[in-house]
N, C-alpha and C. Protein backbone atom coordinates (compact mmCIF):
# COMPACT_ATOMS: atom_id res chain seq x y z
N UNK A 1 43.82 17.37 -31.20
CA UNK A 1 42.99 18.67 -30.79
C UNK A 1 42.27 18.83 -31.94
N UNK A 2 42.56 18.91 -32.91
CA UNK A 2 41.69 18.70 -34.27
C UNK A 2 40.59 17.67 -34.41
N UNK A 3 41.14 16.67 -34.34
CA UNK A 3 40.01 15.11 -34.14
C UNK A 3 39.28 15.34 -33.17
N UNK A 4 39.46 15.78 -32.00
CA UNK A 4 38.16 16.16 -31.02
C UNK A 4 37.28 17.21 -31.57
N UNK A 5 37.97 18.15 -32.11
CA UNK A 5 36.66 19.37 -32.45
C UNK A 5 35.92 18.92 -33.67
N UNK A 6 36.31 17.78 -34.39
CA UNK A 6 35.86 17.20 -35.38
C UNK A 6 34.52 16.41 -35.02
N UNK A 7 34.40 15.56 -33.92
CA UNK A 7 33.64 14.74 -33.45
C UNK A 7 32.41 15.01 -32.35
N UNK A 8 32.68 16.63 -31.65
CA UNK A 8 32.19 17.20 -30.94
C UNK A 8 30.92 17.83 -31.41
N UNK A 9 30.89 18.30 -32.60
CA UNK A 9 29.73 18.49 -33.32
C UNK A 9 28.76 17.54 -33.77
N UNK A 10 29.15 16.38 -33.65
CA UNK A 10 28.15 15.40 -34.11
C UNK A 10 27.99 14.71 -32.78
N UNK A 11 28.65 14.48 -31.64
CA UNK A 11 27.93 14.02 -30.24
C UNK A 11 26.73 15.06 -29.92
N UNK A 12 26.83 16.32 -30.07
CA UNK A 12 25.95 17.66 -29.57
C UNK A 12 24.66 16.95 -30.36
N UNK A 13 25.32 16.73 -31.66
CA UNK A 13 23.79 16.46 -32.69
C UNK A 13 23.09 15.33 -32.21
N UNK A 14 23.99 14.13 -31.99
CA UNK A 14 23.16 12.99 -31.29
C UNK A 14 22.60 13.33 -29.93
N UNK A 15 23.05 14.27 -29.40
CA UNK A 15 22.59 14.55 -27.70
C UNK A 15 21.22 14.80 -27.97
N UNK A 16 21.06 15.86 -29.04
CA UNK A 16 19.71 16.83 -29.32
C UNK A 16 18.72 15.94 -29.88
N UNK A 17 19.19 14.92 -30.90
CA UNK A 17 18.67 13.79 -31.16
C UNK A 17 18.06 13.17 -30.24
N UNK A 18 18.44 12.36 -29.41
CA UNK A 18 17.90 11.95 -28.58
C UNK A 18 17.08 12.46 -27.26
N UNK A 19 17.51 13.48 -26.94
CA UNK A 19 16.62 14.41 -26.07
C UNK A 19 15.26 14.84 -26.87
N UNK A 20 15.30 14.91 -28.32
CA UNK A 20 13.76 15.24 -28.26
C UNK A 20 13.30 13.76 -28.90
N UNK A 21 13.70 12.83 -28.92
CA UNK A 21 13.05 11.61 -28.98
C UNK A 21 12.65 11.08 -27.75
N UNK A 22 13.27 11.02 -26.57
CA UNK A 22 13.12 10.80 -25.33
C UNK A 22 12.02 11.28 -24.94
N UNK A 23 11.97 13.10 -25.29
CA UNK A 23 10.64 13.80 -24.32
C UNK A 23 9.60 13.20 -24.82
N UNK A 24 9.43 12.49 -25.91
CA UNK A 24 8.24 12.23 -26.41
C UNK A 24 8.04 10.86 -25.70
N UNK A 25 8.67 10.38 -25.15
CA UNK A 25 8.26 9.01 -24.28
C UNK A 25 7.87 9.41 -23.02
N UNK A 26 6.77 8.77 -22.42
CA UNK A 26 6.40 9.19 -21.14
C UNK A 26 7.02 8.16 -20.13
N UNK A 27 7.10 8.73 -18.80
CA UNK A 27 8.07 8.31 -18.13
C UNK A 27 7.32 6.81 -17.74
N UNK A 28 7.97 5.62 -17.79
CA UNK A 28 7.61 4.47 -17.24
C UNK A 28 6.82 4.35 -15.91
N UNK A 29 7.61 5.06 -14.76
CA UNK A 29 7.00 5.08 -14.08
C UNK A 29 5.65 5.98 -12.94
N UNK A 30 5.51 6.97 -13.89
CA UNK A 30 4.53 7.54 -13.98
C UNK A 30 3.26 7.07 -13.60
N UNK A 31 2.04 7.68 -12.92
CA UNK A 31 0.93 6.83 -12.21
C UNK A 31 -0.39 7.74 -13.04
N UNK A 32 -0.95 7.01 -13.49
CA UNK A 32 -2.36 7.89 -14.07
C UNK A 32 -3.39 6.89 -13.29
N UNK A 33 -4.57 7.36 -13.72
CA UNK A 33 -5.52 6.92 -13.05
C UNK A 33 -5.88 5.38 -13.65
N UNK A 34 -5.59 5.06 -14.32
CA UNK A 34 -5.53 3.39 -15.15
C UNK A 34 -4.60 2.65 -14.21
N UNK A 35 -3.74 3.13 -13.34
CA UNK A 35 -2.74 2.42 -12.86
C UNK A 35 -2.89 2.07 -11.45
N UNK A 36 -3.84 2.41 -11.02
CA UNK A 36 -3.93 2.32 -9.51
C UNK A 36 -4.85 1.12 -9.33
N UNK A 37 -3.92 0.42 -8.42
CA UNK A 37 -4.23 -1.03 -8.12
C UNK A 37 -5.70 -1.45 -7.75
N UNK A 38 -5.96 -2.62 -8.28
CA UNK A 38 -7.82 -3.10 -7.94
C UNK A 38 -7.90 -3.22 -6.37
N UNK A 39 -6.96 -3.94 -6.09
CA UNK A 39 -7.03 -4.39 -4.50
C UNK A 39 -5.81 -3.64 -3.95
N UNK A 40 -6.29 -2.75 -3.06
CA UNK A 40 -4.67 -1.98 -2.52
C UNK A 40 -4.72 -2.98 -1.27
N UNK A 41 -3.09 -2.83 -0.95
CA UNK A 41 -2.80 -3.42 0.41
C UNK A 41 -2.84 -2.26 1.62
N UNK A 42 -3.03 -3.10 2.76
CA UNK A 42 -2.88 -2.36 4.20
C UNK A 42 -1.53 -3.04 4.69
N UNK A 43 -0.66 -2.14 4.97
CA UNK A 43 0.29 -3.15 5.48
C UNK A 43 0.78 -2.25 6.63
N UNK A 44 0.80 -2.82 7.89
CA UNK A 44 0.81 -2.36 9.25
C UNK A 44 1.75 -3.04 10.23
N UNK A 45 2.59 -2.43 11.13
CA UNK A 45 3.77 -2.79 11.70
C UNK A 45 2.98 -3.48 12.84
N UNK A 46 3.39 -4.63 13.15
CA UNK A 46 3.12 -5.69 14.06
C UNK A 46 4.44 -6.44 15.16
N UNK A 47 3.89 -7.09 15.90
CA UNK A 47 4.93 -7.81 16.84
C UNK A 47 4.44 -8.79 17.45
N UNK A 48 3.85 -10.07 16.36
CA UNK A 48 3.42 -10.93 17.16
C UNK A 48 3.69 -12.00 18.34
N UNK A 49 5.30 -11.76 18.57
CA UNK A 49 6.02 -12.28 19.75
C UNK A 49 5.59 -11.75 20.90
N UNK A 50 4.79 -10.44 20.87
CA UNK A 50 4.44 -10.08 22.20
C UNK A 50 3.17 -10.16 22.20
N UNK A 51 2.59 -10.73 21.59
CA UNK A 51 0.87 -11.50 21.50
C UNK A 51 -0.27 -10.23 20.92
N UNK A 52 0.40 -8.68 20.41
CA UNK A 52 -0.22 -8.33 19.72
C UNK A 52 -0.39 -8.58 18.29
N UNK A 53 -1.84 -8.49 17.58
CA UNK A 53 -1.71 -8.81 16.43
C UNK A 53 -3.02 -7.68 15.90
N UNK A 54 -3.25 -7.67 14.43
CA UNK A 54 -4.31 -7.13 13.85
C UNK A 54 -5.01 -7.67 13.64
N UNK A 55 -6.36 -7.63 14.40
CA UNK A 55 -7.67 -8.08 13.95
C UNK A 55 -8.45 -7.12 12.94
N UNK A 56 -9.25 -8.03 12.22
CA UNK A 56 -9.87 -6.82 11.18
C UNK A 56 -11.58 -7.42 11.36
N UNK A 57 -12.32 -6.16 11.13
CA UNK A 57 -13.93 -6.13 11.43
C UNK A 57 -14.22 -5.53 10.14
N UNK A 58 -15.11 -6.41 9.37
CA UNK A 58 -15.84 -5.56 7.94
C UNK A 58 -17.18 -5.40 8.67
N UNK A 59 -17.44 -4.24 7.91
CA UNK A 59 -19.05 -3.89 8.03
C UNK A 59 -19.74 -4.51 7.05
N UNK A 60 -19.37 -4.38 5.69
CA UNK A 60 -20.53 -5.26 5.08
C UNK A 60 -19.46 -6.49 4.08
N UNK A 61 -19.92 -7.51 4.53
CA UNK A 61 -18.67 -8.48 3.77
C UNK A 61 -19.34 -8.88 2.64
N UNK A 62 -20.33 -8.22 2.10
CA UNK A 62 -21.15 -8.83 0.87
C UNK A 62 -20.22 -7.85 -0.47
N UNK A 63 -19.71 -6.25 0.34
CA UNK A 63 -18.87 -5.54 -0.72
C UNK A 63 -17.44 -5.89 -0.61
N UNK A 64 -17.17 -6.25 0.73
CA UNK A 64 -15.64 -6.31 0.14
C UNK A 64 -15.22 -7.54 1.24
N UNK A 65 -13.87 -8.24 0.96
CA UNK A 65 -13.27 -9.14 2.01
C UNK A 65 -11.77 -8.83 1.88
N UNK A 66 -11.19 -9.40 3.06
CA UNK A 66 -9.74 -8.55 3.25
C UNK A 66 -9.21 -10.13 3.36
N UNK A 67 -8.01 -9.89 2.65
CA UNK A 67 -6.96 -11.57 3.10
C UNK A 67 -6.00 -11.01 3.89
N UNK A 68 -6.08 -11.54 4.80
CA UNK A 68 -4.42 -11.53 5.64
C UNK A 68 -3.32 -12.27 5.35
N UNK A 69 -2.25 -12.01 4.54
CA UNK A 69 -1.20 -12.70 4.25
C UNK A 69 -0.33 -12.66 5.14
N UNK A 70 -0.43 -12.40 6.55
CA UNK A 70 0.09 -12.68 7.30
C UNK A 70 1.37 -11.86 7.88
N UNK A 71 2.23 -12.22 8.80
CA UNK A 71 3.40 -11.04 9.24
C UNK A 71 4.88 -11.36 8.77
N UNK A 72 5.28 -10.55 7.73
CA UNK A 72 6.29 -10.44 7.06
C UNK A 72 7.82 -10.09 8.11
N UNK A 73 8.85 -10.32 8.56
CA UNK A 73 9.91 -9.94 9.15
C UNK A 73 10.21 -8.63 8.60
N UNK A 74 10.58 -7.57 9.55
CA UNK A 74 11.47 -6.30 9.15
C UNK A 74 12.97 -6.59 8.80
N UNK A 75 13.82 -5.62 8.33
CA UNK A 75 15.05 -5.84 7.96
C UNK A 75 15.92 -6.16 8.98
N UNK A 76 15.50 -6.07 9.99
CA UNK A 76 15.92 -6.67 11.25
C UNK A 76 15.76 -8.22 11.59
N UNK A 77 16.82 -9.23 11.40
CA UNK A 77 16.33 -10.62 11.37
C UNK A 77 16.51 -11.11 13.02
N UNK A 78 16.29 -10.30 14.12
CA UNK A 78 16.55 -10.61 15.22
C UNK A 78 15.27 -11.26 16.06
N UNK A 79 15.48 -12.21 16.76
CA UNK A 79 14.38 -12.70 17.73
C UNK A 79 13.58 -12.01 18.60
N UNK A 80 12.27 -12.20 18.41
CA UNK A 80 11.62 -11.18 19.27
C UNK A 80 10.85 -9.85 18.47
N UNK A 81 11.74 -9.51 17.29
CA UNK A 81 11.60 -8.29 16.64
C UNK A 81 10.58 -8.18 15.85
N UNK A 82 9.49 -7.19 15.48
CA UNK A 82 8.48 -7.07 15.03
C UNK A 82 8.44 -7.23 13.34
N UNK A 83 7.52 -7.04 12.63
CA UNK A 83 7.66 -6.95 11.15
C UNK A 83 6.19 -6.26 10.70
N UNK A 84 5.81 -6.87 9.63
CA UNK A 84 4.24 -5.88 8.81
C UNK A 84 3.52 -6.95 8.69
N UNK A 85 2.43 -6.84 9.02
CA UNK A 85 1.33 -7.64 8.72
C UNK A 85 0.41 -6.99 7.61
N UNK A 86 0.39 -7.85 6.51
CA UNK A 86 0.08 -7.48 5.33
C UNK A 86 -1.65 -7.77 5.04
N UNK A 87 -2.65 -6.87 4.66
CA UNK A 87 -4.07 -7.23 4.39
C UNK A 87 -4.09 -6.60 2.86
N UNK A 88 -4.67 -7.54 2.24
CA UNK A 88 -5.40 -7.07 0.73
C UNK A 88 -6.67 -7.01 0.74
N UNK A 89 -7.15 -5.53 0.26
CA UNK A 89 -8.84 -5.42 0.22
C UNK A 89 -9.21 -5.93 -1.53
N UNK A 90 -10.00 -6.77 -1.03
CA UNK A 90 -10.68 -7.49 -2.53
C UNK A 90 -12.33 -7.29 -2.45
N UNK A 91 -12.51 -6.09 -3.55
CA UNK A 91 -14.02 -5.96 -3.93
C UNK A 91 -14.51 -7.03 -4.48
N UNK A 92 -15.92 -7.06 -3.59
CA UNK A 92 -16.67 -8.51 -3.93
C UNK A 92 -18.38 -7.87 -4.86
N UNK A 93 -18.73 -6.86 -4.43
CA UNK A 93 -19.62 -6.08 -4.82
C UNK A 93 -19.72 -4.33 -5.02
N UNK A 94 -20.66 -4.05 -5.63
CA UNK A 94 -20.35 -2.41 -5.96
C UNK A 94 -21.17 -1.79 -4.42
N UNK A 95 -20.26 -0.76 -3.92
CA UNK A 95 -21.06 -0.47 -2.75
C UNK A 95 -19.70 0.38 -1.81
N UNK A 96 -20.31 0.73 -0.77
CA UNK A 96 -19.55 1.45 0.24
C UNK A 96 -19.54 0.54 1.61
N UNK A 97 -18.38 0.40 2.33
CA UNK A 97 -18.42 0.13 3.62
C UNK A 97 -17.37 0.70 4.31
N UNK A 98 -16.89 -0.12 5.88
CA UNK A 98 -15.77 0.21 6.23
C UNK A 98 -14.94 -0.76 6.54
N UNK A 99 -13.55 -0.74 6.95
CA UNK A 99 -13.16 -1.73 7.40
C UNK A 99 -12.08 -1.49 8.79
N UNK A 100 -12.31 -1.97 9.94
CA UNK A 100 -11.79 -1.71 10.89
C UNK A 100 -10.87 -2.87 11.50
N UNK A 101 -9.53 -2.08 11.46
CA UNK A 101 -8.50 -2.83 11.93
C UNK A 101 -7.95 -2.48 13.46
N UNK A 102 -7.98 -3.48 14.69
CA UNK A 102 -7.48 -3.13 15.69
C UNK A 102 -6.38 -3.78 16.35
N UNK A 103 -5.34 -3.18 17.12
CA UNK A 103 -4.04 -3.74 17.00
C UNK A 103 -4.34 -4.15 18.71
N UNK A 104 -4.43 -5.32 19.01
CA UNK A 104 -4.51 -5.88 20.45
C UNK A 104 -4.10 -7.39 20.88
N UNK A 105 -3.96 -7.62 21.69
CA UNK A 105 -3.66 -9.15 22.25
C UNK A 105 -5.41 -9.70 22.28
N UNK A 106 -5.35 -10.79 21.63
CA UNK A 106 -6.65 -11.33 21.48
C UNK A 106 -7.09 -11.99 22.64
N UNK A 107 -6.47 -12.37 23.77
CA UNK A 107 -6.89 -12.89 24.92
C UNK A 107 -7.11 -11.59 26.26
N UNK A 108 -7.02 -10.35 25.56
CA UNK A 108 -7.30 -8.98 26.50
C UNK A 108 -8.70 -9.06 26.21
N UNK A 109 -9.39 -9.42 26.35
CA UNK A 109 -11.02 -8.60 25.78
C UNK A 109 -11.35 -7.84 26.57
N UNK A 110 -11.30 -7.32 27.91
CA UNK A 110 -11.47 -6.42 28.34
C UNK A 110 -10.87 -5.13 28.65
N UNK A 111 -9.96 -5.11 27.75
CA UNK A 111 -8.75 -4.12 27.59
C UNK A 111 -9.25 -3.51 26.17
N UNK A 112 -8.70 -2.40 26.27
CA UNK A 112 -9.41 -1.15 24.97
C UNK A 112 -8.37 -1.78 23.69
N UNK A 113 -8.29 -1.46 22.70
CA UNK A 113 -7.18 -2.09 21.58
C UNK A 113 -6.08 -0.67 21.75
N UNK A 114 -4.83 -1.30 21.51
CA UNK A 114 -3.53 -0.12 21.52
C UNK A 114 -4.01 0.96 20.46
N UNK A 115 -4.32 0.18 19.37
CA UNK A 115 -4.42 0.97 18.01
C UNK A 115 -5.71 0.95 17.33
N UNK A 116 -6.15 1.54 16.85
CA UNK A 116 -7.70 1.33 16.11
C UNK A 116 -7.44 1.85 14.63
N UNK A 117 -7.72 1.40 13.42
CA UNK A 117 -7.50 1.93 12.21
C UNK A 117 -8.68 1.83 11.72
N UNK A 118 -9.38 2.75 11.02
CA UNK A 118 -10.80 2.56 10.06
C UNK A 118 -10.32 2.87 8.75
N UNK A 119 -10.70 2.35 7.88
CA UNK A 119 -10.79 2.79 6.43
C UNK A 119 -12.59 2.75 6.00
N UNK A 120 -12.56 3.65 5.34
CA UNK A 120 -14.29 4.08 4.72
C UNK A 120 -13.53 3.58 2.98
N UNK A 121 -14.31 2.81 2.51
CA UNK A 121 -14.00 2.17 1.52
C UNK A 121 -15.16 2.46 0.45
N UNK A 122 -15.06 2.29 -0.71
CA UNK A 122 -16.01 2.57 -1.98
C UNK A 122 -15.55 1.11 -3.12
N UNK A 123 -16.24 0.70 -3.61
CA UNK A 123 -16.14 -0.67 -4.19
C UNK A 123 -16.90 0.08 -5.64
N UNK A 124 -16.23 0.05 -7.22
CA UNK A 124 -17.07 0.27 -8.17
C UNK A 124 -17.64 -0.62 -8.74
N UNK A 125 -18.06 -0.52 -9.86
CA UNK A 125 -18.81 -1.63 -10.55
C UNK A 125 -17.93 -2.79 -11.18
N UNK A 126 -16.49 -1.96 -11.32
CA UNK A 126 -15.52 -3.10 -12.11
C UNK A 126 -14.71 -3.75 -10.52
N UNK A 127 -15.29 -3.38 -9.34
CA UNK A 127 -14.71 -4.25 -8.23
C UNK A 127 -13.57 -3.66 -7.96
N UNK A 128 -13.30 -2.53 -8.32
CA UNK A 128 -11.84 -1.61 -8.03
C UNK A 128 -12.00 -0.96 -6.78
N UNK A 129 -11.07 -1.03 -5.69
CA UNK A 129 -11.64 -0.53 -4.32
C UNK A 129 -10.63 0.52 -4.08
N UNK A 130 -11.57 1.69 -3.82
CA UNK A 130 -10.85 2.95 -3.31
C UNK A 130 -10.99 3.33 -1.85
N UNK A 131 -9.94 3.53 -1.06
CA UNK A 131 -10.27 4.32 -0.02
C UNK A 131 -10.50 5.94 0.05
N UNK A 132 -11.36 5.82 0.69
CA UNK A 132 -12.14 7.64 0.69
C UNK A 132 -11.91 8.04 1.86
N UNK A 133 -11.58 7.35 2.73
CA UNK A 133 -11.15 8.44 4.24
C UNK A 133 -10.22 7.01 5.09
N UNK A 134 -9.54 7.79 5.88
CA UNK A 134 -8.75 6.79 6.89
C UNK A 134 -8.69 7.40 8.19
N UNK A 135 -9.08 6.56 9.22
CA UNK A 135 -9.16 7.74 10.88
C UNK A 135 -8.22 6.19 11.17
N UNK A 136 -7.39 7.22 12.43
CA UNK A 136 -6.42 6.25 13.25
C UNK A 136 -7.06 6.57 14.61
N UNK A 137 -6.85 5.86 15.57
CA UNK A 137 -7.61 6.11 17.13
C UNK A 137 -6.63 5.54 18.07
N UNK A 138 -5.84 6.29 18.48
CA UNK A 138 -4.91 5.47 19.76
C UNK A 138 -5.51 5.20 20.49
N UNK A 139 -5.58 4.09 21.05
CA UNK A 139 -6.39 3.59 22.24
C UNK A 139 -5.45 3.63 23.96
N UNK A 140 -5.78 2.69 24.52
CA UNK A 140 -5.27 2.61 26.14
C UNK A 140 -4.45 1.40 25.83
N UNK A 141 -3.32 1.35 26.67
CA UNK A 141 -2.54 0.05 26.60
C UNK A 141 -2.70 -0.57 28.21
């Protein structure tokens, strides 16, 4: 018992020193304005086995380009199960534009898309893309 009481003050002093040192170090996961991604990604649920995929329409292709990185399966590795379609937004020139994603079957041109998602984007002089607004529009089935 006497030995334990001898170490206890030292442990408390060590804990206090570590607390003071660690409080001066910023959190590693903390985001600041400088940590925002230059090319944000849009990840949308998709199920191409049913024929439905996301198509992209860019209002001003001089300002931005969109890279379709394909469909990744979700956690369920079932045949016919959906996944996620990922798009990367890449700034090409300073300006503003909209990018519209539509979820439909490519051969059903007379049908309204199931979903429509519109992104209003700005690109700064460093070609960093910022999402200014997002509009989601449900369509007809």
